[in-house]
Amino acid sequence: MKRRSFIAGIGAAAYGSSALAGQAPAVPAAAAPAAPRKPYKTLAETSAKCLEASRDCLRKSFERLSAKDPSLADCASLASEVAAACAALEALAGTGAPFAVGFARTAADLCLACKKECEKFPQIAECLALGAACRTCAEECRKAAG
């Protein structure tokens, strides 16, 4: 018997025995999230705009990198991280997920770091746009996080 099937069998047996005994299986209190809240509409919209700006900045960064200009390498790295974070934040905030607030704190820190990096390239329109979007997103994240 393989290890996974053995462990799955033990889990099923434990669940079945507690169900037969008339008891619900124990669920750790930490595993159950808080009740969903009203969706954070503004936070979802702001993170969507930041996501779009980060994708535009990434395209510009890749153009420069492919032309053997490494000056936007750090910018590309942060824009990639912002894109991932804002996509997740948009989904969490849009559904009012209970973990949206905690994630917004992290996203705010990331957006501020990206804004700082974007300020190094005032001559590049995509960097300016991403810096502004990151500033707005970070402000909205701070409001939501309290």
N, C-alpha and C. Protein backbone atom coordinates (compact mmCIF):
# COMPACT_ATOMS: atom_id res chain seq x y z
N MET A 1 0.85 -1.17 0.00
CA MET A 1 0.00 0.00 0.00
C MET A 1 0.90 1.23 0.00
N LYS A 2 0.58 2.17 -0.83
CA LYS A 2 1.37 3.38 -0.91
C LYS A 2 1.03 4.31 0.24
N ARG A 3 1.96 5.15 0.54
CA ARG A 3 1.84 6.05 1.70
C ARG A 3 0.63 6.98 1.58
N ARG A 4 0.41 7.56 0.40
CA ARG A 4 -0.72 8.47 0.22
C ARG A 4 -2.05 7.77 0.41
N SER A 5 -2.20 6.62 -0.19
CA SER A 5 -3.46 5.93 -0.06
C SER A 5 -3.68 5.46 1.38
N PHE A 6 -2.60 5.13 2.08
CA PHE A 6 -2.71 4.75 3.48
C PHE A 6 -3.20 5.92 4.32
N ILE A 7 -2.58 7.09 4.11
CA ILE A 7 -2.97 8.29 4.87
C ILE A 7 -4.39 8.70 4.53
N ALA A 8 -4.75 8.64 3.25
CA ALA A 8 -6.12 8.97 2.85
C ALA A 8 -7.12 8.01 3.48
N GLY A 9 -6.76 6.74 3.54
CA GLY A 9 -7.64 5.74 4.15
C GLY A 9 -7.85 5.99 5.63
N ILE A 10 -6.78 6.37 6.32
CA ILE A 10 -6.89 6.67 7.75
C ILE A 10 -7.78 7.90 7.97
N GLY A 11 -7.61 8.92 7.12
CA GLY A 11 -8.44 10.13 7.23
C GLY A 11 -9.90 9.82 7.00
N ALA A 12 -10.18 9.01 5.99
CA ALA A 12 -11.57 8.64 5.70
C ALA A 12 -12.16 7.82 6.83
N ALA A 13 -11.37 6.93 7.39
CA ALA A 13 -11.84 6.11 8.50
C ALA A 13 -12.14 6.97 9.73
N ALA A 14 -11.28 7.93 10.00
CA ALA A 14 -11.51 8.81 11.15
C ALA A 14 -12.76 9.65 10.95
N TYR A 15 -12.95 10.14 9.74
CA TYR A 15 -14.13 10.94 9.45
C TYR A 15 -15.38 10.08 9.58
N GLY A 16 -15.32 8.89 9.00
CA GLY A 16 -16.47 8.00 9.05
C GLY A 16 -16.83 7.58 10.46
N SER A 17 -15.82 7.31 11.28
CA SER A 17 -16.12 6.89 12.65
C SER A 17 -16.73 8.02 13.45
N SER A 18 -16.30 9.25 13.22
CA SER A 18 -16.89 10.37 13.97
C SER A 18 -18.31 10.64 13.47
N ALA A 19 -18.56 10.41 12.18
CA ALA A 19 -19.90 10.61 11.65
C ALA A 19 -20.85 9.54 12.20
N LEU A 20 -20.37 8.30 12.33
CA LEU A 20 -21.19 7.24 12.88
C LEU A 20 -21.49 7.47 14.35
N ALA A 21 -20.57 8.10 15.03
CA ALA A 21 -20.77 8.35 16.45
C ALA A 21 -21.66 9.57 16.68
N GLY A 22 -22.10 10.22 15.59
CA GLY A 22 -22.98 11.37 15.74
C GLY A 22 -22.23 12.66 16.02
N GLN A 23 -20.95 12.67 15.81
CA GLN A 23 -20.16 13.86 16.07
C GLN A 23 -19.60 14.39 14.76
N ALA A 24 -19.52 15.68 14.67
CA ALA A 24 -18.86 16.28 13.51
C ALA A 24 -17.36 16.21 13.75
N PRO A 25 -16.60 16.01 12.71
CA PRO A 25 -15.15 15.98 12.88
C PRO A 25 -14.64 17.33 13.38
N ALA A 26 -13.63 17.28 14.21
CA ALA A 26 -13.08 18.50 14.78
C ALA A 26 -12.34 19.29 13.71
N VAL A 27 -12.62 20.57 13.63
CA VAL A 27 -11.93 21.47 12.71
C VAL A 27 -11.21 22.50 13.57
N PRO A 28 -9.91 22.65 13.39
CA PRO A 28 -9.19 23.62 14.19
C PRO A 28 -9.77 25.02 13.99
N ALA A 29 -9.82 25.79 15.05
CA ALA A 29 -10.40 27.13 15.00
C ALA A 29 -9.61 28.04 14.06
N ALA A 30 -8.32 27.88 13.96
CA ALA A 30 -7.50 28.73 13.11
C ALA A 30 -7.76 28.47 11.63
N ALA A 31 -8.27 27.31 11.27
CA ALA A 31 -8.49 26.97 9.88
C ALA A 31 -9.76 27.61 9.34
N ALA A 32 -10.69 27.98 10.19
CA ALA A 32 -11.94 28.56 9.75
C ALA A 32 -11.79 30.08 9.65
N PRO A 33 -11.88 30.64 8.43
CA PRO A 33 -11.75 32.09 8.28
C PRO A 33 -12.97 32.82 8.81
N ALA A 34 -12.82 34.09 9.04
CA ALA A 34 -13.92 34.92 9.51
C ALA A 34 -14.98 35.01 8.42
N ALA A 35 -16.16 35.43 8.79
CA ALA A 35 -17.25 35.56 7.83
C ALA A 35 -16.88 36.58 6.76
N PRO A 36 -17.27 36.33 5.50
CA PRO A 36 -16.94 37.27 4.44
C PRO A 36 -17.55 38.64 4.70
N ARG A 37 -16.84 39.67 4.29
CA ARG A 37 -17.32 41.03 4.45
C ARG A 37 -17.83 41.55 3.12
N LYS A 38 -18.42 42.72 3.17
CA LYS A 38 -18.86 43.40 1.96
C LYS A 38 -17.66 43.62 1.06
N PRO A 39 -17.82 43.40 -0.24
CA PRO A 39 -16.69 43.59 -1.15
C PRO A 39 -16.09 44.99 -1.05
N TYR A 40 -14.79 45.05 -1.23
CA TYR A 40 -14.06 46.31 -1.20
C TYR A 40 -13.96 46.80 -2.64
N LYS A 41 -15.01 47.47 -3.09
CA LYS A 41 -15.11 47.85 -4.50
C LYS A 41 -13.96 48.75 -4.93
N THR A 42 -13.67 49.80 -4.19
CA THR A 42 -12.61 50.74 -4.57
C THR A 42 -11.25 50.07 -4.56
N LEU A 43 -11.02 49.21 -3.60
CA LEU A 43 -9.75 48.49 -3.52
C LEU A 43 -9.58 47.57 -4.73
N ALA A 44 -10.64 46.90 -5.12
CA ALA A 44 -10.60 46.01 -6.28
C ALA A 44 -10.33 46.81 -7.56
N GLU A 45 -11.00 47.96 -7.70
CA GLU A 45 -10.80 48.79 -8.89
C GLU A 45 -9.38 49.36 -8.95
N THR A 46 -8.89 49.82 -7.82
CA THR A 46 -7.55 50.39 -7.76
C THR A 46 -6.49 49.34 -8.08
N SER A 47 -6.65 48.15 -7.53
CA SER A 47 -5.68 47.10 -7.79
C SER A 47 -5.74 46.64 -9.25
N ALA A 48 -6.92 46.70 -9.88
CA ALA A 48 -7.04 46.35 -11.29
C ALA A 48 -6.28 47.36 -12.16
N LYS A 49 -6.37 48.64 -11.81
CA LYS A 49 -5.64 49.68 -12.55
C LYS A 49 -4.14 49.51 -12.37
N CYS A 50 -3.74 49.17 -11.16
CA CYS A 50 -2.32 48.96 -10.88
C CYS A 50 -1.80 47.73 -11.64
N LEU A 51 -2.63 46.71 -11.73
CA LEU A 51 -2.27 45.51 -12.49
C LEU A 51 -2.04 45.86 -13.96
N GLU A 52 -2.93 46.63 -14.53
CA GLU A 52 -2.79 47.02 -15.94
C GLU A 52 -1.53 47.86 -16.15
N ALA A 53 -1.28 48.81 -15.26
CA ALA A 53 -0.08 49.65 -15.38
C ALA A 53 1.19 48.82 -15.24
N SER A 54 1.16 47.82 -14.35
CA SER A 54 2.35 46.99 -14.17
C SER A 54 2.62 46.14 -15.42
N ARG A 55 1.58 45.71 -16.08
CA ARG A 55 1.76 44.94 -17.33
C ARG A 55 2.34 45.83 -18.43
N ASP A 56 1.87 47.08 -18.51
CA ASP A 56 2.43 48.01 -19.49
C ASP A 56 3.91 48.27 -19.22
N CYS A 57 4.24 48.45 -17.96
CA CYS A 57 5.63 48.69 -17.57
C CYS A 57 6.49 47.46 -17.87
N LEU A 58 5.94 46.29 -17.64
CA LEU A 58 6.68 45.06 -17.95
C LEU A 58 6.99 44.97 -19.45
N ARG A 59 6.01 45.29 -20.27
CA ARG A 59 6.24 45.26 -21.72
C ARG A 59 7.38 46.20 -22.10
N LYS A 60 7.36 47.41 -21.54
CA LYS A 60 8.41 48.38 -21.84
C LYS A 60 9.76 47.88 -21.32
N SER A 61 9.76 47.32 -20.14
CA SER A 61 11.00 46.80 -19.56
C SER A 61 11.58 45.68 -20.41
N PHE A 62 10.73 44.80 -20.89
CA PHE A 62 11.20 43.69 -21.73
C PHE A 62 11.75 44.20 -23.06
N GLU A 63 11.13 45.25 -23.60
CA GLU A 63 11.66 45.86 -24.83
C GLU A 63 13.09 46.35 -24.59
N ARG A 64 13.28 47.05 -23.47
CA ARG A 64 14.60 47.60 -23.17
C ARG A 64 15.60 46.48 -22.86
N LEU A 65 15.13 45.47 -22.15
CA LEU A 65 16.03 44.36 -21.83
C LEU A 65 16.44 43.59 -23.08
N SER A 66 15.50 43.42 -24.01
CA SER A 66 15.84 42.71 -25.25
C SER A 66 16.77 43.52 -26.13
N ALA A 67 16.81 44.84 -25.92
CA ALA A 67 17.74 45.71 -26.65
C ALA A 67 19.06 45.83 -25.90
N LYS A 68 19.29 44.93 -24.96
CA LYS A 68 20.54 44.87 -24.19
C LYS A 68 20.74 46.07 -23.26
N ASP A 69 19.61 46.63 -22.80
CA ASP A 69 19.67 47.74 -21.83
C ASP A 69 19.19 47.20 -20.48
N PRO A 70 20.11 46.91 -19.57
CA PRO A 70 19.73 46.30 -18.29
C PRO A 70 19.22 47.31 -17.24
N SER A 71 19.06 48.56 -17.61
CA SER A 71 18.70 49.58 -16.62
C SER A 71 17.33 49.34 -15.98
N LEU A 72 16.43 48.67 -16.67
CA LEU A 72 15.10 48.42 -16.13
C LEU A 72 14.92 47.03 -15.54
N ALA A 73 16.01 46.35 -15.25
CA ALA A 73 15.91 44.99 -14.72
C ALA A 73 15.21 44.96 -13.37
N ASP A 74 15.61 45.84 -12.46
CA ASP A 74 14.96 45.87 -11.14
C ASP A 74 13.50 46.31 -11.26
N CYS A 75 13.26 47.24 -12.17
CA CYS A 75 11.90 47.71 -12.40
C CYS A 75 11.02 46.55 -12.90
N ALA A 76 11.56 45.77 -13.82
CA ALA A 76 10.81 44.63 -14.35
C ALA A 76 10.50 43.62 -13.25
N SER A 77 11.46 43.40 -12.39
CA SER A 77 11.26 42.45 -11.30
C SER A 77 10.13 42.91 -10.37
N LEU A 78 10.17 44.17 -9.97
CA LEU A 78 9.13 44.69 -9.09
C LEU A 78 7.78 44.78 -9.80
N ALA A 79 7.77 45.16 -11.06
CA ALA A 79 6.51 45.23 -11.80
C ALA A 79 5.87 43.85 -11.90
N SER A 80 6.69 42.82 -12.05
CA SER A 80 6.18 41.45 -12.09
C SER A 80 5.54 41.06 -10.76
N GLU A 81 6.19 41.43 -9.67
CA GLU A 81 5.65 41.11 -8.34
C GLU A 81 4.37 41.90 -8.07
N VAL A 82 4.34 43.16 -8.50
CA VAL A 82 3.14 43.98 -8.33
C VAL A 82 1.99 43.40 -9.14
N ALA A 83 2.28 42.95 -10.34
CA ALA A 83 1.23 42.35 -11.18
C ALA A 83 0.60 41.14 -10.48
N ALA A 84 1.43 40.29 -9.93
CA ALA A 84 0.92 39.10 -9.23
C ALA A 84 0.12 39.50 -7.99
N ALA A 85 0.64 40.43 -7.23
CA ALA A 85 -0.04 40.85 -6.00
C ALA A 85 -1.36 41.55 -6.31
N CYS A 86 -1.36 42.41 -7.30
CA CYS A 86 -2.59 43.15 -7.62
C CYS A 86 -3.65 42.24 -8.23
N ALA A 87 -3.24 41.24 -8.98
CA ALA A 87 -4.22 40.27 -9.50
C ALA A 87 -4.89 39.53 -8.34
N ALA A 88 -4.09 39.11 -7.38
CA ALA A 88 -4.65 38.42 -6.21
C ALA A 88 -5.51 39.36 -5.38
N LEU A 89 -5.03 40.58 -5.17
CA LEU A 89 -5.78 41.54 -4.37
C LEU A 89 -7.10 41.89 -5.03
N GLU A 90 -7.10 42.05 -6.34
CA GLU A 90 -8.35 42.35 -7.05
C GLU A 90 -9.38 41.24 -6.82
N ALA A 91 -8.93 40.00 -6.90
CA ALA A 91 -9.83 38.87 -6.69
C ALA A 91 -10.34 38.81 -5.25
N LEU A 92 -9.44 39.00 -4.30
CA LEU A 92 -9.84 38.94 -2.89
C LEU A 92 -10.77 40.09 -2.52
N ALA A 93 -10.41 41.28 -2.94
CA ALA A 93 -11.21 42.46 -2.58
C ALA A 93 -12.56 42.43 -3.28
N GLY A 94 -12.59 41.95 -4.50
CA GLY A 94 -13.84 41.91 -5.26
C GLY A 94 -14.88 40.99 -4.68
N THR A 95 -14.44 39.97 -3.98
CA THR A 95 -15.39 39.04 -3.38
C THR A 95 -15.60 39.29 -1.89
N GLY A 96 -14.88 40.27 -1.36
CA GLY A 96 -15.02 40.55 0.07
C GLY A 96 -14.40 39.47 0.93
N ALA A 97 -13.38 38.80 0.42
CA ALA A 97 -12.73 37.72 1.16
C ALA A 97 -12.19 38.24 2.49
N PRO A 98 -12.31 37.44 3.53
CA PRO A 98 -11.87 37.88 4.85
C PRO A 98 -10.37 38.13 4.94
N PHE A 99 -9.58 37.58 4.04
CA PHE A 99 -8.14 37.78 4.09
C PHE A 99 -7.68 38.95 3.22
N ALA A 100 -8.62 39.65 2.58
CA ALA A 100 -8.26 40.78 1.72
C ALA A 100 -7.55 41.87 2.50
N VAL A 101 -7.98 42.14 3.71
CA VAL A 101 -7.39 43.21 4.51
C VAL A 101 -5.93 42.90 4.85
N GLY A 102 -5.66 41.70 5.29
CA GLY A 102 -4.29 41.32 5.61
C GLY A 102 -3.40 41.34 4.38
N PHE A 103 -3.94 40.89 3.25
CA PHE A 103 -3.16 40.90 2.02
C PHE A 103 -2.92 42.32 1.54
N ALA A 104 -3.87 43.21 1.80
CA ALA A 104 -3.73 44.62 1.38
C ALA A 104 -2.53 45.27 2.06
N ARG A 105 -2.24 44.88 3.29
CA ARG A 105 -1.06 45.43 3.98
C ARG A 105 0.23 45.08 3.23
N THR A 106 0.34 43.85 2.82
CA THR A 106 1.51 43.39 2.08
C THR A 106 1.57 44.05 0.72
N ALA A 107 0.45 44.14 0.05
CA ALA A 107 0.40 44.77 -1.28
C ALA A 107 0.80 46.24 -1.19
N ALA A 108 0.41 46.92 -0.12
CA ALA A 108 0.78 48.33 0.05
C ALA A 108 2.29 48.48 0.14
N ASP A 109 2.94 47.62 0.89
CA ASP A 109 4.41 47.68 1.01
C ASP A 109 5.07 47.43 -0.34
N LEU A 110 4.57 46.47 -1.07
CA LEU A 110 5.12 46.14 -2.39
C LEU A 110 4.91 47.30 -3.36
N CYS A 111 3.72 47.88 -3.35
CA CYS A 111 3.44 49.01 -4.23
C CYS A 111 4.33 50.21 -3.92
N LEU A 112 4.59 50.45 -2.66
CA LEU A 112 5.46 51.58 -2.30
C LEU A 112 6.89 51.33 -2.77
N ALA A 113 7.36 50.10 -2.67
CA ALA A 113 8.71 49.77 -3.15
C ALA A 113 8.77 49.94 -4.67
N CYS A 114 7.73 49.55 -5.36
CA CYS A 114 7.68 49.68 -6.81
C CYS A 114 7.62 51.15 -7.20
N LYS A 115 6.84 51.94 -6.50
CA LYS A 115 6.74 53.38 -6.76
C LYS A 115 8.11 54.03 -6.65
N LYS A 116 8.84 53.65 -5.62
CA LYS A 116 10.18 54.20 -5.41
C LYS A 116 11.11 53.86 -6.57
N GLU A 117 11.02 52.62 -7.06
CA GLU A 117 11.85 52.20 -8.19
C GLU A 117 11.44 52.95 -9.46
N CYS A 118 10.13 53.13 -9.65
CA CYS A 118 9.64 53.82 -10.85
C CYS A 118 10.09 55.28 -10.89
N GLU A 119 10.25 55.88 -9.74
CA GLU A 119 10.68 57.28 -9.69
C GLU A 119 12.09 57.49 -10.23
N LYS A 120 12.84 56.43 -10.38
CA LYS A 120 14.19 56.53 -10.93
C LYS A 120 14.18 56.75 -12.44
N PHE A 121 13.00 56.58 -13.08
CA PHE A 121 12.90 56.66 -14.53
C PHE A 121 11.80 57.64 -14.94
N PRO A 122 11.96 58.93 -14.63
CA PRO A 122 10.90 59.89 -14.95
C PRO A 122 10.72 60.12 -16.45
N GLN A 123 11.70 59.73 -17.25
CA GLN A 123 11.62 59.92 -18.70
C GLN A 123 10.82 58.82 -19.40
N ILE A 124 10.44 57.77 -18.68
CA ILE A 124 9.70 56.66 -19.29
C ILE A 124 8.24 56.73 -18.83
N ALA A 125 7.35 56.93 -19.80
CA ALA A 125 5.93 57.14 -19.49
C ALA A 125 5.32 55.96 -18.73
N GLU A 126 5.69 54.75 -19.11
CA GLU A 126 5.12 53.56 -18.45
C GLU A 126 5.55 53.49 -16.99
N CYS A 127 6.77 53.89 -16.70
CA CYS A 127 7.23 53.91 -15.31
C CYS A 127 6.50 54.98 -14.50
N LEU A 128 6.29 56.14 -15.11
CA LEU A 128 5.53 57.19 -14.43
C LEU A 128 4.11 56.74 -14.12
N ALA A 129 3.49 56.09 -15.10
CA ALA A 129 2.12 55.62 -14.91
C ALA A 129 2.05 54.55 -13.83
N LEU A 130 3.02 53.64 -13.82
CA LEU A 130 3.02 52.60 -12.79
C LEU A 130 3.29 53.20 -11.42
N GLY A 131 4.19 54.16 -11.34
CA GLY A 131 4.46 54.81 -10.05
C GLY A 131 3.22 55.47 -9.49
N ALA A 132 2.47 56.16 -10.35
CA ALA A 132 1.23 56.81 -9.91
C ALA A 132 0.18 55.77 -9.49
N ALA A 133 0.05 54.71 -10.28
CA ALA A 133 -0.91 53.65 -9.95
C ALA A 133 -0.54 52.96 -8.65
N CYS A 134 0.76 52.74 -8.44
CA CYS A 134 1.22 52.11 -7.19
C CYS A 134 0.96 53.00 -5.99
N ARG A 135 1.18 54.30 -6.15
CA ARG A 135 0.92 55.24 -5.05
C ARG A 135 -0.56 55.19 -4.67
N THR A 136 -1.45 55.24 -5.67
CA THR A 136 -2.88 55.21 -5.42
C THR A 136 -3.31 53.88 -4.79
N CYS A 137 -2.76 52.80 -5.31
CA CYS A 137 -3.10 51.47 -4.78
C CYS A 137 -2.64 51.33 -3.33
N ALA A 138 -1.43 51.81 -3.05
CA ALA A 138 -0.91 51.73 -1.68
C ALA A 138 -1.79 52.54 -0.72
N GLU A 139 -2.22 53.72 -1.15
CA GLU A 139 -3.09 54.54 -0.31
C GLU A 139 -4.41 53.82 -0.03
N GLU A 140 -4.98 53.22 -1.06
CA GLU A 140 -6.26 52.51 -0.88
C GLU A 140 -6.07 51.27 -0.01
N CYS A 141 -4.94 50.60 -0.17
CA CYS A 141 -4.64 49.43 0.68
C CYS A 141 -4.55 49.85 2.15
N ARG A 142 -3.90 50.95 2.40
CA ARG A 142 -3.76 51.44 3.79
C ARG A 142 -5.13 51.80 4.38
N LYS A 143 -6.00 52.40 3.56
CA LYS A 143 -7.35 52.72 4.04
C LYS A 143 -8.11 51.45 4.41
N ALA A 144 -8.02 50.46 3.54
CA ALA A 144 -8.75 49.20 3.78
C ALA A 144 -8.20 48.46 4.99
N ALA A 145 -6.88 48.53 5.16
CA ALA A 145 -6.24 47.79 6.26
C ALA A 145 -6.43 48.51 7.59
N GLY A 146 -6.77 49.76 7.53
CA GLY A 146 -7.03 50.50 8.77
C GLY A 146 -5.86 51.06 9.45
